[in-house]
Amino acid sequence: MKIYLVGGAVRDKLLAYPFHERDWVVVGAGAEQLLKLGYQQVGRDFPVFLHPNTKEEYALARTEKKAGSGYTGFLCESGPEVSLEEDLKRRDLTINAMAEDDNGRIIDPYGGQKDLREKRLRHVSNAFIEDPLRVLRVARFAARYAYLGFYIADETQQLMHHIAQSGELNHLVSERIWKETERALSEQSPIVFFQVLRDCGALRVIFPELDQLFGIEQPKKHHPEIDCGIHSLMVLQQASRLCDHPAVRFAALIHDLGKGLSNPDYLPRHSGHESAGLPLINQLCERIRAPKEYLQLALLVGEYHSHCHRALELKPKTILKLFSAIDVFRRPQRLEHFLLSCEADAKGRRGCTEKPYPQADFLRRCAYRCANIQPGALIEQGLSGKALGEAIYKQRLLQIEEVKATTRSLSAPSNGPSKNGGSKQNA
């Protein structure tokens, strides 16, 4: 029996890229042997075991044969007779098909080290097309290593295009799509993930609501980039600069889905795109099983991003309605995520990336002042129940008016679409 470190740990070790998980493959042994050594079996479709002490995953060397549709349609065979090279051959990319023995020697039968040096993402064999999930995995690796200069090999891009055209992507399990998407949103360049999917034709299959935005025009005055799809990717890029939280990045990316439903006869105007996009956001999140936290933030940004852009012009009552929708006083962090998403929208336009966004700080000050109202003095006056609630509401209105007065005195300019400079539908 021989045990090898495999996959991502070997790859990232050679790249000097931080990693936290280690996977192992066991060659020359069967399940009975590992069970006798105290390993705990956890895999049903293929034999994976947990080490009795470290709890790291140890998998028996195996081969895979396509036997059905989708990610799960494989027959796996494992046993002492399966070689390390055979196990590595079933993997997606050459940079993931390397192993390291207990002496630190790298076993690299498919040229992974060369591809690392040449910064190339290349498939191991033509069996790549048998697993549609690999399209998302390659896109995610491209997003992870884009800052290092990695690119996808032409021949691998061709296979990804083939998979997208084959209909196999329709058989992917929603949970796996979301897992890859969420991980991609946490990478250094998540925009690359969606660019790669679009380039190979997978975006229209997996994220059709987003894909349909490409080619739809917006008013050049407020959107010099013009194209709605390009704007969405630019917003994601700005969200990635502002925040590393994947929910913020996701909300920023899909906030404008409603523009895909705008009447072509009225373009480049997008009247009512905020509310029109809410069913699409719900539809997308339900289909890919996005968590509730992601859905709720995306809906808030989709519906109220134009409010945020016009925050300096809103009446105090409207601001309080916005705070109520966000649930600011119970969930202050949600306000911050909302504001970052909206700021990304304002800056995700050609020539606007470095422009200030005073609306965010204005709403932060309003929320802070409102949250620090102490009801104790009002209670001492004998107020309770509905009367107490109304008094607190009036106090909050006064606090917001004071913040507005201070802001006006400082003559803070508005960066987003305004009543005079552009209507709500152009946001």
Protein backbone atom coordinates (compact mmCIF):
# COMPACT_ATOMS: atom_id res chain seq x y z
CA MET A 1 0.00 0.00 0.00
CA LYS A 2 1.26 3.47 -0.95
CA ILE A 3 -0.28 6.81 -0.04
CA TYR A 4 0.14 9.99 -2.08
CA LEU A 5 -0.82 13.62 -1.58
CA VAL A 6 -2.85 14.61 -4.66
CA GLY A 7 -4.78 17.36 -6.40
CA GLY A 8 -5.09 20.91 -5.18
CA ALA A 9 -2.61 20.65 -2.31
CA VAL A 10 0.17 19.58 -4.70
CA ARG A 11 -0.79 22.24 -7.23
CA ASP A 12 -0.94 25.10 -4.74
CA LYS A 13 2.20 23.95 -2.96
CA LEU A 14 4.09 24.27 -6.24
CA LEU A 15 2.47 27.68 -6.87
CA ALA A 16 3.21 28.87 -3.32
CA TYR A 17 -0.53 29.57 -3.15
CA PRO A 18 -2.20 29.20 0.26
CA PHE A 19 -4.21 26.02 0.80
CA HIS A 20 -5.99 24.54 3.81
CA GLU A 21 -7.14 21.09 2.73
CA ARG A 22 -5.16 18.03 1.75
CA ASP A 23 -6.49 15.06 -0.19
CA TRP A 24 -4.83 11.68 -0.38
CA VAL A 25 -5.06 8.70 -2.70
CA VAL A 26 -4.31 5.16 -1.60
CA VAL A 27 -2.77 2.79 -4.16
CA GLY A 28 -2.43 -0.97 -3.78
CA ALA A 29 -5.07 -1.46 -1.11
CA GLY A 30 -8.76 -2.23 -0.73
CA ALA A 31 -11.50 -1.02 1.56
CA GLU A 32 -11.05 -3.90 4.01
CA GLN A 33 -7.43 -2.99 4.60
CA LEU A 34 -8.23 0.63 5.42
CA LEU A 35 -11.11 -0.32 7.68
CA LYS A 36 -8.82 -2.62 9.66
CA LEU A 37 -6.44 0.32 10.13
CA GLY A 38 -9.24 2.37 11.71
CA TYR A 39 -10.27 4.51 8.72
CA GLN A 40 -13.95 5.43 8.56
CA GLN A 41 -15.70 5.01 5.21
CA VAL A 42 -17.86 7.96 4.13
CA GLY A 43 -18.32 7.54 0.38
CA ARG A 44 -21.05 5.40 -1.11
CA ASP A 45 -20.57 6.09 -4.83
CA PHE A 46 -16.81 5.68 -4.52
CA PRO A 47 -14.67 4.63 -1.56
CA VAL A 48 -13.54 7.63 0.48
CA PHE A 49 -12.28 7.23 4.03
CA LEU A 50 -11.46 9.55 6.92
CA HIS A 51 -8.11 9.15 8.62
CA PRO A 52 -8.59 7.95 12.22
CA ASN A 53 -6.53 10.86 13.62
CA THR A 54 -6.40 13.76 11.14
CA LYS A 55 -9.89 13.17 9.67
CA GLU A 56 -8.47 14.08 6.25
CA GLU A 57 -9.94 12.31 3.23
CA TYR A 58 -8.21 9.25 1.80
CA ALA A 59 -9.66 7.81 -1.42
CA LEU A 60 -8.83 4.49 -2.99
CA ALA A 61 -7.31 4.87 -6.46
CA ARG A 62 -10.13 4.52 -8.94
CA THR A 63 -11.17 4.77 -12.55
CA GLU A 64 -14.41 6.28 -13.87
CA LYS A 65 -16.53 5.30 -16.84
CA LYS A 66 -19.38 7.37 -18.24
CA ALA A 67 -22.66 5.52 -17.79
CA GLY A 68 -25.34 8.24 -17.80
CA SER A 69 -26.05 11.96 -18.00
CA GLY A 70 -24.70 14.71 -15.84
CA TYR A 71 -22.21 14.90 -13.03
CA THR A 72 -23.34 11.72 -11.27
CA GLY A 73 -23.60 9.44 -14.31
CA PHE A 74 -20.38 7.49 -13.73
CA LEU A 75 -19.38 3.96 -12.82
CA CYS A 76 -16.38 3.91 -10.50
CA GLU A 77 -14.03 0.99 -10.08
CA SER A 78 -11.43 0.84 -7.33
CA GLY A 79 -9.09 -1.75 -5.96
CA PRO A 80 -5.44 -2.68 -5.46
CA GLU A 81 -4.99 -3.13 -9.21
CA VAL A 82 -5.74 0.53 -10.09
CA SER A 83 -2.49 2.46 -10.61
CA LEU A 84 -1.70 6.00 -9.56
CA GLU A 85 -1.43 7.06 -13.21
CA GLU A 86 -4.89 5.67 -13.94
CA ASP A 87 -6.34 7.56 -10.98
CA LEU A 88 -4.68 10.81 -12.05
CA LYS A 89 -5.87 10.41 -15.64
CA ARG A 90 -9.54 10.70 -14.62
CA ARG A 91 -8.97 14.23 -13.23
CA ASP A 92 -9.99 17.42 -15.02
CA LEU A 93 -6.85 19.54 -15.50
CA THR A 94 -3.19 18.60 -15.73
CA ILE A 95 -2.36 20.94 -12.85
CA ASN A 96 -4.78 18.89 -10.71
CA ALA A 97 -3.37 15.55 -11.90
CA MET A 98 -0.14 15.51 -9.93
CA ALA A 99 0.82 13.57 -6.81
CA GLU A 100 3.55 13.77 -4.19
CA ASP A 101 4.99 10.79 -2.36
CA ASP A 102 6.21 10.71 1.24
CA ASN A 103 9.70 11.74 0.08
CA GLY A 104 8.45 14.89 -1.59
CA ARG A 105 8.87 13.52 -5.12
CA ILE A 106 6.33 14.83 -7.65
CA ILE A 107 4.63 12.28 -9.88
CA ASP A 108 3.43 14.15 -12.96
CA PRO A 109 2.50 11.88 -15.87
CA TYR A 110 0.43 14.47 -17.77
CA GLY A 111 2.59 17.61 -17.77
CA GLY A 112 1.04 19.54 -14.91
CA GLN A 113 4.29 21.18 -13.83
CA LYS A 114 4.95 22.46 -17.35
CA ASP A 115 1.44 23.88 -17.51
CA LEU A 116 1.98 25.58 -14.15
CA ARG A 117 5.15 27.20 -15.46
CA GLU A 118 3.38 28.29 -18.64
CA LYS A 119 0.29 29.39 -16.67
CA ARG A 120 -2.01 27.17 -18.71
CA LEU A 121 -5.27 25.45 -17.72
CA ARG A 122 -5.38 22.32 -19.89
CA HIS A 123 -7.47 19.15 -19.74
CA VAL A 124 -5.86 15.80 -19.01
CA SER A 125 -7.67 13.76 -21.67
CA ASN A 126 -10.71 13.87 -23.94
CA ALA A 127 -12.66 12.19 -21.14
CA PHE A 128 -12.96 15.79 -19.92
CA ILE A 129 -16.20 16.12 -21.89
CA GLU A 130 -17.86 13.33 -19.91
CA ASP A 131 -18.35 15.53 -16.84
CA PRO A 132 -20.25 18.81 -17.43
CA LEU A 133 -19.32 20.13 -14.00
CA ARG A 134 -15.81 20.60 -15.33
CA VAL A 135 -16.95 23.63 -17.30
CA LEU A 136 -17.70 25.43 -14.03
CA ARG A 137 -14.57 24.09 -12.35
CA VAL A 138 -12.29 25.36 -15.10
CA ALA A 139 -14.07 28.73 -15.03
CA ARG A 140 -13.51 28.87 -11.28
CA PHE A 141 -9.82 28.05 -11.56
CA ALA A 142 -9.53 30.74 -14.22
CA ALA A 143 -11.09 33.20 -11.74
CA ARG A 144 -8.73 32.08 -9.00
CA TYR A 145 -5.48 32.31 -10.93
CA ALA A 146 -6.27 35.11 -13.38
CA TYR A 147 -4.17 37.54 -11.36
CA LEU A 148 -1.19 35.26 -11.91
CA GLY A 149 -1.70 35.34 -15.66
CA PHE A 150 -3.27 31.89 -16.15
CA TYR A 151 -5.31 31.23 -19.28
CA ILE A 152 -7.39 28.36 -20.65
CA ALA A 153 -5.80 26.33 -23.43
CA ASP A 154 -7.55 26.64 -26.80
CA GLU A 155 -8.20 22.92 -27.04
CA THR A 156 -9.78 22.94 -23.56
CA GLN A 157 -11.99 25.89 -24.48
CA GLN A 158 -13.18 23.90 -27.49
CA LEU A 159 -14.19 20.99 -25.27
CA MET A 160 -15.99 23.35 -22.90
CA HIS A 161 -17.90 24.78 -25.87
CA HIS A 162 -18.75 21.23 -26.93
CA ILE A 163 -20.16 20.45 -23.48
CA ALA A 164 -22.23 23.66 -23.50
CA GLN A 165 -23.70 22.73 -26.88
CA SER A 166 -24.36 19.08 -25.96
CA GLY A 167 -27.14 19.64 -23.45
CA GLU A 168 -25.16 17.98 -20.66
CA LEU A 169 -25.19 21.15 -18.57
CA ASN A 170 -28.94 20.74 -18.17
CA HIS A 171 -28.31 17.62 -16.08
CA LEU A 172 -26.15 19.34 -13.48
CA VAL A 173 -27.45 19.19 -9.91
CA SER A 174 -28.44 22.64 -8.65
CA GLU A 175 -26.44 22.25 -5.45
CA ARG A 176 -23.24 21.62 -7.41
CA ILE A 177 -23.85 24.66 -9.61
CA TRP A 178 -24.29 26.82 -6.53
CA LYS A 179 -21.24 25.36 -4.80
CA GLU A 180 -18.99 26.21 -7.75
CA THR A 181 -20.61 29.63 -8.16
CA GLU A 182 -20.22 30.56 -4.51
CA ARG A 183 -16.59 29.48 -4.52
CA ALA A 184 -16.00 31.48 -7.70
CA LEU A 185 -17.57 34.56 -6.10
CA SER A 186 -14.98 34.25 -3.32
CA GLU A 187 -12.02 34.13 -5.72
CA GLN A 188 -9.78 37.07 -6.52
CA SER A 189 -11.33 37.71 -9.96
CA PRO A 190 -14.93 36.41 -9.96
CA ILE A 191 -15.68 38.39 -13.13
CA VAL A 192 -13.49 35.91 -15.01
CA PHE A 193 -15.76 33.02 -13.96
CA PHE A 194 -18.76 34.56 -15.72
CA GLN A 195 -16.70 35.75 -18.70
CA VAL A 196 -15.42 32.21 -19.26
CA LEU A 197 -18.94 30.76 -19.02
CA ARG A 198 -20.19 33.27 -21.55
CA ASP A 199 -17.27 32.67 -23.93
CA CYS A 200 -18.02 28.94 -24.12
CA GLY A 201 -21.79 29.32 -24.29
CA ALA A 202 -22.49 27.97 -20.80
CA LEU A 203 -23.83 31.24 -19.36
CA ARG A 204 -27.00 31.08 -21.46
CA VAL A 205 -27.68 27.59 -20.11
CA ILE A 206 -26.82 28.08 -16.42
CA PHE A 207 -27.57 31.79 -15.94
CA PRO A 208 -29.96 32.70 -18.80
CA GLU A 209 -31.36 35.70 -16.90
CA LEU A 210 -27.88 37.22 -16.81
CA ASP A 211 -26.92 36.16 -20.32
CA GLN A 212 -29.92 37.91 -21.88
CA LEU A 213 -28.62 41.30 -20.67
CA PHE A 214 -25.79 41.26 -23.19
CA GLY A 215 -26.59 43.31 -26.26
CA ILE A 216 -29.26 45.42 -24.55
CA GLU A 217 -28.46 49.13 -24.61
CA GLN A 218 -28.67 51.71 -21.84
CA PRO A 219 -28.53 55.54 -21.98
CA LYS A 220 -24.98 56.52 -22.89
CA LYS A 221 -25.16 59.58 -20.63
CA HIS A 222 -25.32 57.44 -17.49
CA HIS A 223 -23.81 54.26 -18.92
CA PRO A 224 -20.92 55.00 -21.28
CA GLU A 225 -20.38 51.23 -21.52
CA ILE A 226 -23.93 51.07 -23.01
CA ASP A 227 -24.34 47.28 -22.87
CA CYS A 228 -26.36 45.99 -19.88
CA GLY A 229 -24.39 42.75 -19.67
CA ILE A 230 -21.05 44.52 -19.71
CA HIS A 231 -22.34 46.86 -17.00
CA SER A 232 -23.32 43.87 -14.83
CA LEU A 233 -19.82 42.42 -15.06
CA MET A 234 -18.28 45.83 -14.35
CA VAL A 235 -20.47 46.10 -11.24
CA LEU A 236 -19.25 42.69 -10.09
CA GLN A 237 -15.69 43.83 -10.62
CA GLN A 238 -16.25 46.93 -8.49
CA ALA A 239 -17.99 44.89 -5.80
CA SER A 240 -14.92 42.66 -5.71
CA ARG A 241 -12.75 45.73 -5.12
CA LEU A 242 -15.01 47.00 -2.33
CA CYS A 243 -15.79 43.79 -0.46
CA ASP A 244 -14.81 40.13 -0.28
CA HIS A 245 -18.25 38.92 0.87
CA PRO A 246 -19.70 36.66 -1.86
CA ALA A 247 -23.30 37.69 -1.11
CA VAL A 248 -22.46 41.34 -1.86
CA ARG A 249 -20.76 40.35 -5.10
CA PHE A 250 -23.70 38.17 -6.12
CA ALA A 251 -26.28 40.88 -5.41
CA ALA A 252 -24.24 43.41 -7.35
CA LEU A 253 -24.00 41.08 -10.32
CA ILE A 254 -27.72 40.36 -10.68
CA HIS A 255 -29.26 43.64 -9.52
CA ASP A 256 -30.28 44.69 -13.05
CA LEU A 257 -31.92 41.50 -14.35
CA GLY A 258 -35.13 43.42 -14.96
CA LYS A 259 -33.50 45.30 -17.84
CA GLY A 260 -33.66 42.08 -19.82
CA LEU A 261 -37.46 42.48 -19.85
CA SER A 262 -37.59 46.11 -20.98
CA ASN A 263 -39.75 46.90 -23.98
CA PRO A 264 -37.42 47.15 -27.02
CA ASP A 265 -39.55 50.01 -28.37
CA TYR A 266 -38.53 52.21 -25.45
CA LEU A 267 -34.84 51.42 -25.27
CA PRO A 268 -32.45 52.66 -24.07
CA ARG A 269 -34.88 53.56 -21.26
CA HIS A 270 -35.60 50.89 -18.66
CA SER A 271 -38.63 52.19 -16.81
CA GLY A 272 -39.59 50.02 -13.84
CA HIS A 273 -36.70 47.60 -14.26
CA GLU A 274 -36.24 47.41 -10.49
CA SER A 275 -39.57 45.75 -9.73
CA ALA A 276 -39.55 43.84 -13.03
CA GLY A 277 -36.33 42.14 -12.02
CA LEU A 278 -37.57 40.73 -8.72
CA PRO A 279 -39.28 37.63 -10.20
CA LEU A 280 -36.13 36.91 -12.23
CA ILE A 281 -33.94 37.18 -9.13
CA ASN A 282 -36.27 34.80 -7.32
CA GLN A 283 -36.30 32.44 -10.29
CA LEU A 284 -32.52 32.37 -10.62
CA CYS A 285 -31.87 31.90 -6.91
CA GLU A 286 -34.45 29.14 -6.60
CA ARG A 287 -33.08 27.26 -9.61
CA ILE A 288 -29.47 27.21 -8.39
CA ARG A 289 -30.44 26.84 -4.71
CA ALA A 290 -28.81 30.08 -3.55
CA PRO A 291 -29.07 30.47 0.24
CA LYS A 292 -31.74 32.71 1.73
CA GLU A 293 -29.15 35.30 2.77
CA TYR A 294 -28.06 35.74 -0.85
CA LEU A 295 -31.62 35.90 -2.15
CA GLN A 296 -32.77 38.50 0.37
CA LEU A 297 -29.84 40.82 -0.28
CA ALA A 298 -30.17 40.44 -4.05
CA LEU A 299 -33.88 41.33 -3.88
CA LEU A 300 -33.17 44.41 -1.77
CA VAL A 301 -30.46 45.66 -4.10
CA GLY A 302 -32.58 44.88 -7.14
CA GLU A 303 -35.58 46.80 -5.82
CA TYR A 304 -33.93 49.73 -4.06
CA HIS A 305 -30.60 50.49 -5.77
CA SER A 306 -32.16 53.53 -7.48
CA HIS A 307 -33.34 54.77 -4.08
CA CYS A 308 -29.79 54.56 -2.82
CA HIS A 309 -28.44 56.50 -5.82
CA ARG A 310 -30.95 59.27 -5.09
CA ALA A 311 -30.55 59.10 -1.30
CA LEU A 312 -29.56 62.76 -0.95
CA GLU A 313 -32.86 63.77 -2.57
CA LEU A 314 -35.19 61.40 -0.72
CA LYS A 315 -37.66 62.60 1.89
CA PRO A 316 -37.00 61.42 5.48
CA LYS A 317 -40.16 59.27 5.34
CA THR A 318 -38.87 57.53 2.22
CA ILE A 319 -35.52 56.89 3.87
CA LEU A 320 -37.26 55.33 6.86
CA LYS A 321 -39.27 53.12 4.50
CA LEU A 322 -35.99 52.03 2.94
CA PHE A 323 -34.53 51.30 6.38
CA SER A 324 -37.63 49.29 7.24
CA ALA A 325 -37.32 47.19 4.08
CA ILE A 326 -33.66 46.49 4.87
CA ASP A 327 -34.48 45.85 8.55
CA VAL A 328 -31.66 48.20 9.47
CA PHE A 329 -32.16 48.39 13.21
CA ARG A 330 -32.12 44.65 13.74
CA ARG A 331 -29.65 43.79 10.97
CA PRO A 332 -27.17 46.67 10.63
CA GLN A 333 -24.74 44.51 8.66
CA ARG A 334 -27.34 44.08 5.93
CA LEU A 335 -27.36 47.86 5.41
CA GLU A 336 -23.60 47.79 4.91
CA HIS A 337 -23.87 44.99 2.36
CA PHE A 338 -26.69 46.85 0.60
CA LEU A 339 -24.66 50.07 0.42
CA LEU A 340 -21.57 48.30 -0.91
CA SER A 341 -23.62 46.65 -3.64
CA CYS A 342 -25.15 49.99 -4.64
CA GLU A 343 -21.79 51.72 -4.60
CA ALA A 344 -20.48 48.99 -6.90
CA ASP A 345 -23.40 49.72 -9.25
CA ALA A 346 -22.58 53.43 -9.33
CA LYS A 347 -18.90 52.77 -9.98
CA GLY A 348 -19.40 49.90 -12.39
CA ARG A 349 -19.64 52.26 -15.35
CA ARG A 350 -16.99 53.35 -17.78
CA GLY A 351 -15.13 56.35 -16.37
CA CYS A 352 -16.82 56.16 -12.94
CA THR A 353 -14.63 53.71 -11.03
CA GLU A 354 -12.92 56.38 -8.91
CA LYS A 355 -15.86 58.72 -8.42
CA PRO A 356 -16.99 59.31 -4.81
CA TYR A 357 -20.29 57.90 -3.63
CA PRO A 358 -21.48 60.20 -0.80
CA GLN A 359 -24.90 58.55 -0.74
CA ALA A 360 -23.52 55.60 1.20
CA ASP A 361 -22.03 57.69 4.00
CA PHE A 362 -25.17 59.80 4.13
CA LEU A 363 -27.36 56.75 4.71
CA ARG A 364 -24.87 55.35 7.23
CA ARG A 365 -25.11 58.59 9.23
CA CYS A 366 -28.89 58.54 9.06
CA ALA A 367 -29.04 54.95 10.25
CA TYR A 368 -26.55 55.62 13.07
CA ARG A 369 -28.48 58.63 14.35
CA CYS A 370 -31.79 56.75 14.20
CA ALA A 371 -30.40 53.66 15.90
CA ASN A 372 -29.09 55.72 18.81
CA ILE A 373 -32.42 57.20 19.80
CA GLN A 374 -33.06 56.20 23.42
CA PRO A 375 -36.70 55.38 24.15
CA GLY A 376 -36.13 55.65 27.91
CA ALA A 377 -36.92 59.36 28.10
CA LEU A 378 -40.11 58.83 26.11
CA ILE A 379 -41.17 55.99 28.38
CA GLU A 380 -40.56 58.23 31.40
CA GLN A 381 -43.03 60.66 29.84
CA GLY A 382 -45.62 57.91 30.10
CA LEU A 383 -45.60 56.82 26.47
CA SER A 384 -46.10 53.17 25.59
CA GLY A 385 -47.45 50.94 22.89
CA LYS A 386 -48.55 52.66 19.70
CA ALA A 387 -47.89 56.14 21.11
CA LEU A 388 -44.29 55.17 21.94
CA GLY A 389 -43.77 53.79 18.45
CA GLU A 390 -45.10 56.96 16.85
CA ALA A 391 -42.86 59.12 19.05
CA ILE A 392 -39.77 57.10 18.11
CA TYR A 393 -40.76 57.38 14.45
CA LYS A 394 -40.99 61.18 14.72
CA GLN A 395 -37.62 61.31 16.48
CA ARG A 396 -36.09 59.33 13.63
CA LEU A 397 -37.57 61.72 11.08
CA LEU A 398 -36.00 64.64 12.95
CA GLN A 399 -32.62 62.92 13.08
CA ILE A 400 -32.67 62.27 9.35
CA GLU A 401 -33.69 65.87 8.64
CA GLU A 402 -30.73 67.07 10.74
CA VAL A 403 -28.34 64.85 8.78
CA LYS A 404 -29.84 66.17 5.52
CA ALA A 405 -29.39 69.75 6.68
CA THR A 406 -25.77 69.10 7.57
CA THR A 407 -25.19 67.40 4.25
CA ARG A 408 -26.75 70.30 2.33
CA SER A 409 -24.53 72.75 4.14
CA LEU A 410 -21.51 70.81 2.98
CA SER A 411 -22.89 70.85 -0.60
CA ALA A 412 -22.15 67.18 -1.10
CA PRO A 413 -22.65 66.38 -4.82
CA SER A 414 -24.80 63.45 -5.91
CA ASN A 415 -22.96 60.81 -7.94
CA GLY A 416 -25.84 58.59 -8.96
CA PRO A 417 -28.76 59.24 -11.32
CA SER A 418 -30.76 62.20 -10.06
CA LYS A 419 -34.13 63.79 -10.60
CA ASN A 420 -32.66 66.38 -12.95
CA GLY A 421 -29.73 64.46 -14.39
CA GLY A 422 -31.46 61.20 -15.18
CA SER A 423 -34.56 59.35 -14.19
CA LYS A 424 -34.96 56.29 -12.00
CA GLN A 425 -35.18 53.90 -14.93
CA ASN A 426 -31.60 54.73 -15.99
CA ALA A 427 -29.97 53.56 -12.76
